[in-house]
N, C-alpha and C. Protein backbone atom coordinates (compact mmCIF):
# COMPACT_ATOMS: atom_id res chain seq x y z
N MET A 1 24.63 -1.02 34.94
CA MET A 1 24.87 -1.52 33.61
C MET A 1 23.80 -2.52 33.18
N ASN A 2 23.31 -3.33 34.12
CA ASN A 2 22.25 -4.29 33.77
C ASN A 2 20.95 -3.60 33.42
N ILE A 3 20.68 -2.47 34.07
CA ILE A 3 19.47 -1.72 33.80
C ILE A 3 19.55 -1.13 32.37
N LEU A 4 20.70 -0.63 31.99
CA LEU A 4 20.90 -0.10 30.65
C LEU A 4 20.69 -1.18 29.60
N ARG A 5 21.23 -2.36 29.82
CA ARG A 5 21.02 -3.50 28.88
C ARG A 5 19.56 -3.88 28.81
N TRP A 6 18.89 -3.90 29.93
CA TRP A 6 17.47 -4.24 29.96
C TRP A 6 16.68 -3.19 29.14
N ILE A 7 16.96 -1.93 29.34
CA ILE A 7 16.27 -0.86 28.62
C ILE A 7 16.52 -0.99 27.10
N MET A 8 17.78 -1.16 26.75
CA MET A 8 18.14 -1.29 25.32
C MET A 8 17.49 -2.54 24.72
N GLY A 9 17.51 -3.63 25.45
CA GLY A 9 16.88 -4.87 24.96
C GLY A 9 15.36 -4.68 24.81
N SER A 10 14.77 -3.97 25.71
CA SER A 10 13.31 -3.69 25.62
C SER A 10 12.99 -2.84 24.42
N VAL A 11 13.80 -1.81 24.18
CA VAL A 11 13.57 -0.94 23.02
C VAL A 11 13.72 -1.71 21.72
N VAL A 12 14.79 -2.49 21.61
CA VAL A 12 15.02 -3.30 20.41
C VAL A 12 13.86 -4.32 20.24
N GLY A 13 13.46 -4.94 21.31
CA GLY A 13 12.34 -5.90 21.26
C GLY A 13 11.05 -5.25 20.80
N LEU A 14 10.78 -4.04 21.30
CA LEU A 14 9.57 -3.31 20.92
C LEU A 14 9.60 -2.95 19.44
N VAL A 15 10.76 -2.50 18.95
CA VAL A 15 10.87 -2.18 17.52
C VAL A 15 10.66 -3.42 16.66
N LEU A 16 11.28 -4.53 17.06
CA LEU A 16 11.08 -5.78 16.32
C LEU A 16 9.63 -6.24 16.36
N LEU A 17 8.99 -6.08 17.48
CA LEU A 17 7.58 -6.44 17.59
C LEU A 17 6.70 -5.60 16.67
N LEU A 18 6.98 -4.31 16.62
CA LEU A 18 6.24 -3.42 15.72
C LEU A 18 6.42 -3.81 14.24
N PHE A 19 7.66 -4.13 13.85
CA PHE A 19 7.89 -4.58 12.50
C PHE A 19 7.14 -5.86 12.19
N ALA A 20 7.19 -6.81 13.11
CA ALA A 20 6.50 -8.08 12.93
C ALA A 20 4.98 -7.87 12.86
N LEU A 21 4.46 -7.03 13.70
CA LEU A 21 3.04 -6.75 13.69
C LEU A 21 2.63 -6.06 12.41
N GLN A 22 3.44 -5.14 11.92
CA GLN A 22 3.15 -4.47 10.66
C GLN A 22 3.16 -5.47 9.52
N TYR A 23 4.10 -6.39 9.52
CA TYR A 23 4.16 -7.42 8.47
C TYR A 23 2.91 -8.29 8.48
N VAL A 24 2.53 -8.76 9.66
CA VAL A 24 1.33 -9.58 9.79
C VAL A 24 0.10 -8.80 9.35
N ALA A 25 -0.01 -7.55 9.76
CA ALA A 25 -1.15 -6.72 9.39
C ALA A 25 -1.21 -6.51 7.88
N SER A 26 -0.05 -6.38 7.26
CA SER A 26 0.01 -6.08 5.83
C SER A 26 -0.27 -7.29 4.97
N GLU A 27 0.11 -8.46 5.41
CA GLU A 27 0.09 -9.67 4.54
C GLU A 27 -1.02 -10.66 4.85
N ARG A 28 -1.87 -10.39 5.81
CA ARG A 28 -2.85 -11.41 6.18
C ARG A 28 -4.09 -11.43 5.32
N VAL A 29 -4.35 -10.39 4.55
CA VAL A 29 -5.51 -10.32 3.63
C VAL A 29 -4.92 -10.13 2.24
N GLU A 30 -5.73 -10.10 1.24
CA GLU A 30 -5.26 -10.03 -0.14
C GLU A 30 -4.21 -8.93 -0.38
N VAL A 31 -3.14 -9.34 -1.02
CA VAL A 31 -2.08 -8.39 -1.42
C VAL A 31 -1.80 -8.65 -2.90
N VAL A 32 -1.70 -7.55 -3.68
CA VAL A 32 -1.39 -7.66 -5.11
C VAL A 32 0.04 -7.20 -5.32
N GLU A 33 0.57 -7.50 -6.49
CA GLU A 33 1.90 -7.02 -6.87
C GLU A 33 1.75 -5.99 -7.99
N LEU A 34 2.24 -4.81 -7.71
CA LEU A 34 2.29 -3.73 -8.69
C LEU A 34 3.64 -3.74 -9.36
N HIS A 35 3.65 -3.70 -10.70
CA HIS A 35 4.88 -3.73 -11.45
C HIS A 35 5.01 -2.39 -12.17
N THR A 36 6.03 -1.61 -11.84
CA THR A 36 6.30 -0.32 -12.45
C THR A 36 7.74 -0.30 -12.94
N LEU A 37 8.08 0.72 -13.74
CA LEU A 37 9.44 0.84 -14.24
C LEU A 37 10.12 2.04 -13.58
N ASP A 38 11.38 1.84 -13.19
CA ASP A 38 12.13 2.94 -12.60
C ASP A 38 12.77 3.80 -13.71
N GLU A 39 13.56 4.77 -13.33
CA GLU A 39 14.17 5.70 -14.30
C GLU A 39 15.08 4.99 -15.30
N GLN A 40 15.63 3.85 -14.94
CA GLN A 40 16.51 3.10 -15.82
C GLN A 40 15.75 2.09 -16.66
N GLY A 41 14.43 2.04 -16.49
CA GLY A 41 13.62 1.09 -17.25
C GLY A 41 13.55 -0.29 -16.62
N GLU A 42 14.07 -0.42 -15.39
CA GLU A 42 14.05 -1.70 -14.68
C GLU A 42 12.72 -1.84 -13.95
N GLU A 43 12.20 -3.06 -13.97
CA GLU A 43 10.93 -3.32 -13.27
C GLU A 43 11.13 -3.33 -11.76
N VAL A 44 10.19 -2.67 -11.07
CA VAL A 44 10.15 -2.67 -9.63
C VAL A 44 8.82 -3.24 -9.20
N THR A 45 8.81 -4.22 -8.34
CA THR A 45 7.59 -4.86 -7.87
C THR A 45 7.30 -4.42 -6.43
N THR A 46 6.08 -3.98 -6.19
CA THR A 46 5.68 -3.49 -4.88
C THR A 46 4.40 -4.23 -4.47
N ARG A 47 4.36 -4.70 -3.24
CA ARG A 47 3.16 -5.42 -2.73
C ARG A 47 2.25 -4.38 -2.09
N LEU A 48 0.97 -4.38 -2.51
CA LEU A 48 0.02 -3.38 -2.07
C LEU A 48 -1.36 -4.01 -1.80
N TRP A 49 -2.17 -3.25 -1.11
CA TRP A 49 -3.58 -3.63 -0.90
C TRP A 49 -4.38 -3.12 -2.07
N VAL A 50 -5.51 -3.77 -2.31
CA VAL A 50 -6.41 -3.40 -3.40
C VAL A 50 -7.84 -3.63 -2.96
N VAL A 51 -8.73 -2.75 -3.45
CA VAL A 51 -10.16 -2.95 -3.26
C VAL A 51 -10.86 -2.74 -4.59
N ASP A 52 -12.09 -3.27 -4.66
CA ASP A 52 -12.90 -3.12 -5.84
C ASP A 52 -14.07 -2.24 -5.55
N ASP A 53 -14.45 -1.42 -6.51
CA ASP A 53 -15.66 -0.59 -6.40
C ASP A 53 -16.15 -0.18 -7.76
N ALA A 54 -17.42 -0.45 -8.00
CA ALA A 54 -18.10 -0.01 -9.23
C ALA A 54 -17.34 -0.48 -10.48
N GLY A 55 -16.84 -1.71 -10.43
CA GLY A 55 -16.19 -2.28 -11.62
C GLY A 55 -14.72 -1.93 -11.79
N TYR A 56 -14.13 -1.20 -10.86
CA TYR A 56 -12.72 -0.83 -10.97
C TYR A 56 -11.97 -1.34 -9.76
N GLN A 57 -10.66 -1.49 -9.93
CA GLN A 57 -9.76 -1.83 -8.84
C GLN A 57 -9.12 -0.52 -8.41
N TYR A 58 -8.85 -0.44 -7.10
CA TYR A 58 -8.25 0.79 -6.54
C TYR A 58 -7.08 0.44 -5.65
N LEU A 59 -6.01 1.19 -5.85
CA LEU A 59 -4.89 1.22 -4.94
C LEU A 59 -5.02 2.53 -4.16
N ARG A 60 -4.23 2.69 -3.11
CA ARG A 60 -4.31 3.92 -2.31
C ARG A 60 -2.89 4.29 -1.90
N VAL A 61 -2.59 5.58 -2.01
CA VAL A 61 -1.31 6.08 -1.57
C VAL A 61 -1.54 7.18 -0.55
N GLY A 62 -0.65 7.28 0.45
CA GLY A 62 -0.75 8.31 1.43
C GLY A 62 -0.44 9.69 0.84
N ALA A 63 -0.83 10.72 1.53
CA ALA A 63 -0.64 12.09 1.04
C ALA A 63 0.82 12.41 0.79
N ALA A 64 1.74 11.78 1.52
CA ALA A 64 3.16 12.05 1.34
C ALA A 64 3.74 11.35 0.11
N GLY A 65 2.96 10.45 -0.50
CA GLY A 65 3.45 9.76 -1.67
C GLY A 65 4.36 8.61 -1.32
N SER A 66 4.97 8.01 -2.34
CA SER A 66 5.90 6.89 -2.17
C SER A 66 6.62 6.67 -3.50
N GLY A 67 7.61 5.78 -3.48
CA GLY A 67 8.35 5.51 -4.70
C GLY A 67 7.48 4.93 -5.79
N TRP A 68 6.63 3.98 -5.43
CA TRP A 68 5.78 3.36 -6.45
C TRP A 68 4.82 4.39 -7.06
N PHE A 69 4.33 5.28 -6.22
CA PHE A 69 3.42 6.32 -6.70
C PHE A 69 4.14 7.28 -7.64
N SER A 70 5.38 7.64 -7.32
CA SER A 70 6.17 8.50 -8.18
C SER A 70 6.39 7.84 -9.54
N ARG A 71 6.62 6.52 -9.54
CA ARG A 71 6.79 5.82 -10.80
C ARG A 71 5.51 5.82 -11.64
N ILE A 72 4.36 5.72 -10.99
CA ILE A 72 3.08 5.79 -11.72
C ILE A 72 2.88 7.17 -12.29
N LEU A 73 3.22 8.21 -11.52
CA LEU A 73 3.06 9.57 -12.03
C LEU A 73 3.97 9.80 -13.23
N ALA A 74 5.15 9.21 -13.25
CA ALA A 74 6.09 9.38 -14.36
C ALA A 74 5.62 8.59 -15.59
N ASN A 75 4.92 7.49 -15.39
CA ASN A 75 4.46 6.66 -16.49
C ASN A 75 3.19 5.96 -16.01
N ASP A 76 2.04 6.39 -16.48
CA ASP A 76 0.80 5.84 -15.95
C ASP A 76 0.50 4.42 -16.45
N GLN A 77 1.37 3.83 -17.28
CA GLN A 77 1.25 2.44 -17.66
C GLN A 77 1.85 1.58 -16.58
N LEU A 78 1.12 0.58 -16.13
CA LEU A 78 1.61 -0.28 -15.07
C LEU A 78 1.02 -1.67 -15.27
N GLU A 79 1.56 -2.62 -14.58
CA GLU A 79 1.01 -3.95 -14.57
C GLU A 79 0.75 -4.38 -13.14
N LEU A 80 -0.27 -5.20 -13.00
CA LEU A 80 -0.69 -5.64 -11.68
C LEU A 80 -0.91 -7.14 -11.72
N THR A 81 -0.35 -7.85 -10.74
CA THR A 81 -0.62 -9.30 -10.60
C THR A 81 -1.60 -9.48 -9.46
N ARG A 82 -2.72 -10.11 -9.83
CA ARG A 82 -3.76 -10.40 -8.83
C ARG A 82 -4.30 -11.77 -9.12
N ASN A 83 -4.41 -12.60 -8.11
CA ASN A 83 -4.85 -13.98 -8.29
C ASN A 83 -4.01 -14.71 -9.33
N ASP A 84 -2.71 -14.51 -9.28
CA ASP A 84 -1.76 -15.18 -10.17
C ASP A 84 -1.92 -14.82 -11.63
N ARG A 85 -2.63 -13.73 -11.93
CA ARG A 85 -2.77 -13.26 -13.32
C ARG A 85 -2.27 -11.83 -13.41
N ARG A 86 -1.54 -11.57 -14.46
CA ARG A 86 -0.91 -10.27 -14.65
C ARG A 86 -1.60 -9.53 -15.79
N TYR A 87 -2.00 -8.28 -15.49
CA TYR A 87 -2.69 -7.45 -16.48
C TYR A 87 -2.02 -6.05 -16.59
N ARG A 88 -2.19 -5.43 -17.73
CA ARG A 88 -1.68 -4.09 -17.93
C ARG A 88 -2.82 -3.08 -17.71
N TYR A 89 -2.51 -1.99 -17.03
CA TYR A 89 -3.49 -0.99 -16.68
C TYR A 89 -2.93 0.43 -16.95
N THR A 90 -3.85 1.36 -17.00
CA THR A 90 -3.50 2.78 -16.88
C THR A 90 -4.10 3.24 -15.55
N ALA A 91 -3.52 4.28 -15.01
CA ALA A 91 -3.92 4.76 -13.69
C ALA A 91 -4.55 6.12 -13.79
N THR A 92 -5.61 6.33 -13.00
CA THR A 92 -6.29 7.61 -12.91
C THR A 92 -6.44 7.98 -11.44
N LEU A 93 -5.98 9.14 -11.05
CA LEU A 93 -6.13 9.58 -9.68
C LEU A 93 -7.58 9.95 -9.44
N ARG A 94 -8.14 9.49 -8.34
CA ARG A 94 -9.56 9.75 -8.01
C ARG A 94 -9.71 10.28 -6.61
N GLU A 95 -9.14 11.46 -6.39
CA GLU A 95 -9.18 12.07 -5.07
C GLU A 95 -10.62 12.26 -4.57
N ASP A 96 -11.59 12.39 -5.48
CA ASP A 96 -12.98 12.54 -5.11
C ASP A 96 -13.55 11.28 -4.45
N LYS A 97 -12.86 10.15 -4.60
CA LYS A 97 -13.33 8.88 -4.01
C LYS A 97 -12.57 8.49 -2.76
N SER A 98 -11.83 9.43 -2.19
CA SER A 98 -10.97 9.12 -1.05
C SER A 98 -11.75 8.51 0.11
N ASP A 99 -12.84 9.11 0.51
CA ASP A 99 -13.61 8.61 1.64
C ASP A 99 -14.14 7.21 1.34
N ARG A 100 -14.63 6.99 0.15
CA ARG A 100 -15.21 5.69 -0.23
C ARG A 100 -14.11 4.60 -0.22
N ILE A 101 -12.96 4.87 -0.81
CA ILE A 101 -11.92 3.87 -0.87
C ILE A 101 -11.31 3.64 0.49
N ASN A 102 -11.19 4.65 1.33
CA ASN A 102 -10.73 4.46 2.69
C ASN A 102 -11.69 3.55 3.46
N GLU A 103 -12.97 3.76 3.26
CA GLU A 103 -14.00 2.95 3.92
C GLU A 103 -13.89 1.48 3.47
N LEU A 104 -13.72 1.29 2.16
CA LEU A 104 -13.59 -0.09 1.64
C LEU A 104 -12.31 -0.76 2.13
N MET A 105 -11.24 -0.03 2.20
CA MET A 105 -9.97 -0.57 2.69
C MET A 105 -10.12 -0.94 4.20
N GLN A 106 -10.78 -0.11 4.97
CA GLN A 106 -10.98 -0.38 6.38
C GLN A 106 -11.83 -1.63 6.57
N THR A 107 -12.88 -1.77 5.74
CA THR A 107 -13.75 -2.93 5.85
C THR A 107 -12.99 -4.21 5.49
N LYS A 108 -12.21 -4.14 4.41
CA LYS A 108 -11.52 -5.34 3.93
C LYS A 108 -10.32 -5.70 4.82
N TYR A 109 -9.54 -4.72 5.21
CA TYR A 109 -8.28 -5.00 5.92
C TYR A 109 -8.36 -4.81 7.42
N GLY A 110 -9.48 -4.26 7.92
CA GLY A 110 -9.78 -4.19 9.35
C GLY A 110 -8.68 -3.60 10.21
N TRP A 111 -8.34 -4.34 11.27
CA TRP A 111 -7.36 -3.82 12.24
C TRP A 111 -6.01 -3.55 11.57
N GLY A 112 -5.69 -4.26 10.52
CA GLY A 112 -4.43 -4.01 9.80
C GLY A 112 -4.41 -2.60 9.21
N ASP A 113 -5.53 -2.20 8.62
CA ASP A 113 -5.60 -0.86 8.07
C ASP A 113 -5.47 0.19 9.17
N SER A 114 -6.11 -0.07 10.29
CA SER A 114 -6.04 0.85 11.41
C SER A 114 -4.60 0.96 11.94
N LEU A 115 -3.94 -0.17 12.09
CA LEU A 115 -2.59 -0.18 12.59
C LEU A 115 -1.62 0.53 11.66
N ILE A 116 -1.68 0.19 10.39
CA ILE A 116 -0.78 0.86 9.42
C ILE A 116 -1.10 2.34 9.35
N GLY A 117 -2.35 2.71 9.40
CA GLY A 117 -2.71 4.12 9.42
C GLY A 117 -2.12 4.85 10.62
N THR A 118 -2.14 4.22 11.77
CA THR A 118 -1.60 4.80 12.98
C THR A 118 -0.08 4.92 12.89
N LEU A 119 0.59 3.91 12.37
CA LEU A 119 2.05 3.92 12.27
C LEU A 119 2.55 4.90 11.22
N LEU A 120 1.85 5.00 10.09
CA LEU A 120 2.31 5.80 8.98
C LEU A 120 1.65 7.15 8.86
N GLY A 121 0.62 7.38 9.63
CA GLY A 121 -0.08 8.66 9.54
C GLY A 121 -1.51 8.48 9.11
N SER A 122 -2.27 9.52 9.20
CA SER A 122 -3.69 9.48 8.90
C SER A 122 -3.96 9.11 7.43
N ARG A 123 -5.10 8.49 7.23
CA ARG A 123 -5.57 8.17 5.87
C ARG A 123 -6.35 9.33 5.27
N GLU A 124 -6.49 10.41 6.02
CA GLU A 124 -7.34 11.54 5.66
C GLU A 124 -7.07 12.11 4.25
N ASN A 125 -5.83 12.28 3.90
CA ASN A 125 -5.50 12.88 2.60
C ASN A 125 -4.95 11.86 1.60
N SER A 126 -5.31 10.59 1.80
CA SER A 126 -4.83 9.56 0.89
C SER A 126 -5.45 9.76 -0.50
N ILE A 127 -4.79 9.21 -1.49
CA ILE A 127 -5.21 9.37 -2.88
C ILE A 127 -5.55 8.02 -3.50
N PRO A 128 -6.78 7.79 -3.85
CA PRO A 128 -7.13 6.54 -4.54
C PRO A 128 -6.65 6.59 -5.98
N ILE A 129 -6.21 5.44 -6.45
CA ILE A 129 -5.75 5.29 -7.84
C ILE A 129 -6.63 4.25 -8.50
N GLU A 130 -7.41 4.71 -9.47
CA GLU A 130 -8.32 3.85 -10.19
C GLU A 130 -7.60 3.20 -11.37
N LEU A 131 -7.74 1.88 -11.48
CA LEU A 131 -7.06 1.17 -12.53
C LEU A 131 -8.02 0.84 -13.71
N HIS A 132 -7.54 1.13 -14.91
CA HIS A 132 -8.33 0.87 -16.13
C HIS A 132 -7.52 -0.10 -17.00
N LEU A 133 -8.16 -1.18 -17.41
CA LEU A 133 -7.46 -2.15 -18.28
C LEU A 133 -6.98 -1.44 -19.54
N ALA A 134 -5.73 -1.67 -19.87
CA ALA A 134 -5.14 -1.09 -21.09
C ALA A 134 -5.44 -1.97 -22.29
N ASN A 135 -5.50 -1.37 -23.43
CA ASN A 135 -5.76 -2.15 -24.64
C ASN A 135 -4.46 -2.70 -25.21
């Protein structure tokens, strides 16, 4: 019975350690807040990584997508808070820049990007989202 408790405790400890490590990896470098609207028109805020390239800001979504990405596809108007300032943007998918944005994310977020990529799957088919200031 003691061996079973030890095994269960070890598994729970490992899971908690992975969650803690993922949190540290995700939050230790710049994180922005994406503000989108759900189907009921309620605002949903998501914390994401961002990189800059050639005058644009880029978010990145995995090939499997996510809730925030689905909300952008449903309504390409979004708001982003960065450096305590909130701006309105439109989103453009830039799959042609996948390698470049992955490279910039890896450079900026380092081991955190590698860890999250390992836990959630390859960055190979990720989709960069180019943000354009809305008028």
